[in-house]
Amino acid sequence: MSHFVFKAGFSQLTEEEMDILKLDVSNHEIHVVIKHMGAFKAPGKDSFQAIFYQSQWKHVDESFCKLVFNNFRDHS
C-alpha cells in the first residue's frame, strides 16, 4: 500500500479569507448553486435530483434554505 505525500503543502489562508468562510450563506447563494447543478445529479441514491429543486424552487425555497442554514449551524 502506497501513501500519498504532499510535497508542496497547502497555502495558508489569510485572516480575511478565514472571516469569509465564517459568514452565513444567503438564500440567493443557495438558489444560484441549485440553478447551476446538473439537472440529473443527486447527492445519494435516495435523494431528489437537482431538477426537482430547479423546477419547484418557488414551492420549496423557504424550507430548503432553512434546511441548509440548519445544517451549517448544526455542523459548525
Protein backbone atom coordinates (compact mmCIF):
# COMPACT_ATOMS: atom_id res chain seq x y z
CA MET A 1 0.00 0.00 0.00
CA SER A 2 1.50 3.34 -1.03
CA HIS A 3 0.93 6.55 0.86
CA PHE A 4 0.25 9.84 -0.84
CA VAL A 5 2.52 12.61 0.40
CA PHE A 6 2.07 16.32 -0.32
CA LYS A 7 5.38 17.77 -1.42
CA ALA A 8 4.34 21.40 -1.75
CA GLY A 9 1.80 21.60 1.07
CA PHE A 10 -1.13 23.98 1.23
CA SER A 11 -1.01 27.74 1.18
CA GLN A 12 -2.12 29.47 4.36
CA LEU A 13 -5.49 31.27 4.30
CA THR A 14 -5.41 34.94 5.17
CA GLU A 15 -7.38 36.30 8.12
CA GLU A 16 -9.83 37.89 5.64
CA GLU A 17 -10.38 34.55 3.87
CA MET A 18 -10.99 32.85 7.22
CA ASP A 19 -13.59 35.51 8.10
CA ILE A 20 -15.37 34.96 4.77
CA LEU A 21 -15.66 31.23 5.49
CA LYS A 22 -17.45 32.06 8.75
CA LEU A 23 -20.20 34.09 7.06
CA ASP A 24 -23.68 32.68 6.66
CA VAL A 25 -24.78 31.72 3.18
CA SER A 26 -27.69 33.65 1.70
CA ASN A 27 -30.89 32.43 0.08
CA HIS A 28 -29.60 33.88 -3.18
CA GLU A 29 -26.32 31.92 -2.96
CA ILE A 30 -28.24 28.70 -2.31
CA HIS A 31 -30.52 29.38 -5.28
CA VAL A 32 -27.55 30.07 -7.57
CA VAL A 33 -25.94 26.76 -6.59
CA ILE A 34 -29.18 24.85 -7.20
CA LYS A 35 -29.65 26.51 -10.61
CA HIS A 36 -26.13 25.58 -11.70
CA MET A 37 -26.22 21.93 -10.59
CA GLY A 38 -26.51 19.30 -13.27
CA ALA A 39 -30.25 18.62 -13.55
CA PHE A 40 -29.97 14.88 -13.06
CA LYS A 41 -27.30 14.91 -10.36
CA ALA A 42 -28.19 13.81 -6.84
CA PRO A 43 -26.05 13.55 -3.69
CA GLY A 44 -27.12 9.98 -2.96
CA LYS A 45 -29.21 7.04 -4.15
CA ASP A 46 -32.35 8.07 -2.28
CA SER A 47 -32.06 11.83 -2.79
CA PHE A 48 -34.02 14.10 -5.08
CA GLN A 49 -32.26 15.10 -8.27
CA ALA A 50 -31.43 18.77 -8.81
CA ILE A 51 -34.14 19.09 -11.49
CA PHE A 52 -36.79 18.70 -8.78
CA TYR A 53 -35.47 21.71 -6.85
CA GLN A 54 -34.86 23.69 -10.04
CA SER A 55 -38.39 23.19 -11.33
CA GLN A 56 -40.13 23.54 -7.94
CA TRP A 57 -37.99 26.28 -6.41
CA LYS A 58 -40.89 28.67 -5.82
CA HIS A 59 -42.55 25.98 -3.70
CA VAL A 60 -39.53 24.61 -1.81
CA ASP A 61 -37.21 27.64 -1.50
CA GLU A 62 -38.05 28.57 2.10
CA SER A 63 -37.89 25.06 3.52
CA PHE A 64 -34.79 24.12 1.52
CA CYS A 65 -32.90 27.26 2.59
CA LYS A 66 -33.92 26.58 6.19
CA LEU A 67 -32.52 23.05 5.84
CA VAL A 68 -29.22 24.41 4.54
CA PHE A 69 -28.98 27.03 7.31
CA ASN A 70 -29.71 24.39 9.97
CA ASN A 71 -27.10 22.08 8.50
CA PHE A 72 -24.45 24.81 8.64
CA ARG A 73 -25.44 25.75 12.19
CA ASP A 74 -25.50 22.17 13.48
CA HIS A 75 -22.17 21.17 11.92
CA SER A 76 -20.02 24.20 12.61
